[in-house]
Amino acid sequence: MMTAHQCDPHLRTTGYGPLTRSRVLRLLLTPFDDGPAEVESIAAVVLHEVKPCADCLTGMLLLMTEVAYALVPEAARRQVVVNWERQLIEALDQIGGQRPT
């Protein structure tokens, strides 16, 4: 019997719990130069930690945007957003593949 997804309370409220903040920082600071396999493994970590839940993924998206704005120098923000968007697409593709048909 499968258990229902338990939403991360910090992600659901876009709050900053210590684990949530560390997830966001790890995802933002991961280098993306290793190619698609690296992006796929990062997406797998996101899925494992926040589960295939639209509320939690949306919360992660909002937190990553806020943290990126605060931490990343203005000149580098565009590349961070491109890398992060690619990572999010991978995660959403995996969620789509996990849904029953």
C-alpha atoms as a PDB file:
ATOM      1  CA  MET A   1       0.000   0.000   0.000  1.00  0.00           C
ATOM      2  CA  MET A   2       1.454   3.369  -1.032  1.00  0.00           C
ATOM      3  CA  THR A   3       1.452   6.186   1.470  1.00  0.00           C
ATOM      4  CA  ALA A   4       0.337   9.648   0.475  1.00  0.00           C
ATOM      5  CA  HIS A   5       2.977  12.267  -0.160  1.00  0.00           C
ATOM      6  CA  GLN A   6       3.753  14.372   2.895  1.00  0.00           C
ATOM      7  CA  CYS A   7       4.482  17.901   1.714  1.00  0.00           C
ATOM      8  CA  ASP A   8       7.579  19.560   3.085  1.00  0.00           C
ATOM      9  CA  PRO A   9       6.111  22.204   5.434  1.00  0.00           C
ATOM     10  CA  HIS A  10       8.837  24.722   4.597  1.00  0.00           C
ATOM     11  CA  LEU A  11       8.427  24.317   0.854  1.00  0.00           C
ATOM     12  CA  ARG A  12       4.663  24.450   1.074  1.00  0.00           C
ATOM     13  CA  THR A  13       4.843  27.827   2.819  1.00  0.00           C
ATOM     14  CA  THR A  14       8.013  28.948   0.961  1.00  0.00           C
ATOM     15  CA  GLY A  15       9.726  29.193   4.336  1.00  0.00           C
ATOM     16  CA  TYR A  16      13.398  28.701   5.127  1.00  0.00           C
ATOM     17  CA  GLY A  17      13.909  25.646   7.295  1.00  0.00           C
ATOM     18  CA  PRO A  18      17.571  24.567   7.576  1.00  0.00           C
ATOM     19  CA  LEU A  19      17.115  21.477   5.376  1.00  0.00           C
ATOM     20  CA  THR A  20      15.166  23.449   2.788  1.00  0.00           C
ATOM     21  CA  ARG A  21      17.821  26.149   2.622  1.00  0.00           C
ATOM     22  CA  SER A  22      20.603  23.571   2.260  1.00  0.00           C
ATOM     23  CA  ARG A  23      18.716  21.852  -0.592  1.00  0.00           C
ATOM     24  CA  VAL A  24      18.330  25.135  -2.431  1.00  0.00           C
ATOM     25  CA  LEU A  25      21.969  26.094  -1.963  1.00  0.00           C
ATOM     26  CA  ARG A  26      23.186  22.667  -3.082  1.00  0.00           C
ATOM     27  CA  LEU A  27      21.067  22.801  -6.229  1.00  0.00           C
ATOM     28  CA  LEU A  28      22.083  26.364  -7.055  1.00  0.00           C
ATOM     29  CA  LEU A  29      25.794  25.778  -6.532  1.00  0.00           C
ATOM     30  CA  THR A  30      26.060  22.448  -8.366  1.00  0.00           C
ATOM     31  CA  PRO A  31      28.148  22.780 -11.528  1.00  0.00           C
ATOM     32  CA  PHE A  32      26.291  21.850 -14.702  1.00  0.00           C
ATOM     33  CA  ASP A  33      29.305  21.399 -16.965  1.00  0.00           C
ATOM     34  CA  ASP A  34      29.270  17.597 -16.841  1.00  0.00           C
ATOM     35  CA  GLY A  35      26.482  17.200 -19.384  1.00  0.00           C
ATOM     36  CA  PRO A  36      23.002  15.645 -19.382  1.00  0.00           C
ATOM     37  CA  ALA A  37      23.890  12.800 -16.997  1.00  0.00           C
ATOM     38  CA  GLU A  38      24.815  15.305 -14.297  1.00  0.00           C
ATOM     39  CA  VAL A  39      21.597  17.265 -14.812  1.00  0.00           C
ATOM     40  CA  GLU A  40      19.609  14.025 -14.682  1.00  0.00           C
ATOM     41  CA  SER A  41      21.192  13.020 -11.372  1.00  0.00           C
ATOM     42  CA  ILE A  42      20.452  16.454  -9.888  1.00  0.00           C
ATOM     43  CA  ALA A  43      16.833  16.175 -11.026  1.00  0.00           C
ATOM     44  CA  ALA A  44      16.672  12.750  -9.364  1.00  0.00           C
ATOM     45  CA  VAL A  45      17.832  14.299  -6.079  1.00  0.00           C
ATOM     46  CA  VAL A  46      15.131  16.961  -6.341  1.00  0.00           C
ATOM     47  CA  LEU A  47      12.476  14.328  -6.972  1.00  0.00           C
ATOM     48  CA  HIS A  48      13.703  12.132  -4.137  1.00  0.00           C
ATOM     49  CA  GLU A  49      13.717  14.969  -1.618  1.00  0.00           C
ATOM     50  CA  VAL A  50      10.541  16.854  -2.536  1.00  0.00           C
ATOM     51  CA  LYS A  51       8.656  13.936  -4.097  1.00  0.00           C
ATOM     52  CA  PRO A  52       6.508  14.320  -7.220  1.00  0.00           C
ATOM     53  CA  CYS A  53       4.339  17.044  -5.733  1.00  0.00           C
ATOM     54  CA  ALA A  54       3.435  20.242  -7.586  1.00  0.00           C
ATOM     55  CA  ASP A  55       3.183  22.256  -4.359  1.00  0.00           C
ATOM     56  CA  CYS A  56       6.645  21.225  -3.180  1.00  0.00           C
ATOM     57  CA  LEU A  57       8.237  21.740  -6.597  1.00  0.00           C
ATOM     58  CA  THR A  58       6.618  25.178  -6.844  1.00  0.00           C
ATOM     59  CA  GLY A  59       7.941  26.041  -3.402  1.00  0.00           C
ATOM     60  CA  MET A  60      11.422  24.904  -4.439  1.00  0.00           C
ATOM     61  CA  LEU A  61      11.159  27.048  -7.570  1.00  0.00           C
ATOM     62  CA  LEU A  62      10.257  30.155  -5.571  1.00  0.00           C
ATOM     63  CA  LEU A  63      12.999  29.579  -3.014  1.00  0.00           C
ATOM     64  CA  MET A  64      15.641  28.971  -5.665  1.00  0.00           C
ATOM     65  CA  THR A  65      14.675  32.189  -7.418  1.00  0.00           C
ATOM     66  CA  GLU A  66      14.880  34.195  -4.212  1.00  0.00           C
ATOM     67  CA  VAL A  67      18.179  32.682  -3.074  1.00  0.00           C
ATOM     68  CA  ALA A  68      19.727  33.002  -6.535  1.00  0.00           C
ATOM     69  CA  TYR A  69      18.832  36.670  -6.653  1.00  0.00           C
ATOM     70  CA  ALA A  70      20.467  37.254  -3.276  1.00  0.00           C
ATOM     71  CA  LEU A  71      23.623  35.169  -3.784  1.00  0.00           C
ATOM     72  CA  VAL A  72      24.552  35.235  -7.439  1.00  0.00           C
ATOM     73  CA  PRO A  73      26.328  38.269  -8.903  1.00  0.00           C
ATOM     74  CA  GLU A  74      24.131  40.092 -11.380  1.00  0.00           C
ATOM     75  CA  ALA A  75      26.355  39.212 -14.346  1.00  0.00           C
ATOM     76  CA  ALA A  76      26.016  35.470 -13.636  1.00  0.00           C
ATOM     77  CA  ARG A  77      22.270  35.320 -12.931  1.00  0.00           C
ATOM     78  CA  ARG A  78      21.255  34.645 -16.523  1.00  0.00           C
ATOM     79  CA  GLN A  79      23.388  31.477 -16.716  1.00  0.00           C
ATOM     80  CA  VAL A  80      22.148  30.293 -13.321  1.00  0.00           C
ATOM     81  CA  VAL A  81      18.550  30.680 -14.483  1.00  0.00           C
ATOM     82  CA  VAL A  82      19.262  28.796 -17.725  1.00  0.00           C
ATOM     83  CA  ASN A  83      20.924  25.936 -15.827  1.00  0.00           C
ATOM     84  CA  TRP A  84      18.200  25.840 -13.220  1.00  0.00           C
ATOM     85  CA  GLU A  85      15.443  25.862 -15.858  1.00  0.00           C
ATOM     86  CA  ARG A  86      17.062  22.873 -17.570  1.00  0.00           C
ATOM     87  CA  GLN A  87      17.194  21.068 -14.237  1.00  0.00           C
ATOM     88  CA  LEU A  88      13.521  21.801 -13.500  1.00  0.00           C
ATOM     89  CA  ILE A  89      12.470  20.528 -16.934  1.00  0.00           C
ATOM     90  CA  GLU A  90      14.319  17.262 -16.253  1.00  0.00           C
ATOM     91  CA  ALA A  91      12.494  16.913 -12.928  1.00  0.00           C
ATOM     92  CA  LEU A  92       9.101  17.604 -14.499  1.00  0.00           C
ATOM     93  CA  ASP A  93       9.822  15.123 -17.302  1.00  0.00           C
ATOM     94  CA  GLN A  94      10.593  12.470 -14.695  1.00  0.00           C
ATOM     95  CA  ILE A  95       7.378  13.235 -12.836  1.00  0.00           C
ATOM     96  CA  GLY A  96       5.448  12.878 -16.095  1.00  0.00           C
ATOM     97  CA  GLY A  97       7.075   9.488 -16.651  1.00  0.00           C
ATOM     98  CA  GLN A  98       6.080   8.286 -13.168  1.00  0.00           C
ATOM     99  CA  ARG A  99       2.368   8.994 -13.488  1.00  0.00           C
ATOM    100  CA  PRO A 100       0.140   6.002 -14.164  1.00  0.00           C
ATOM    101  CA  THR A 101      -1.366   5.967 -17.639  1.00  0.00           C
END
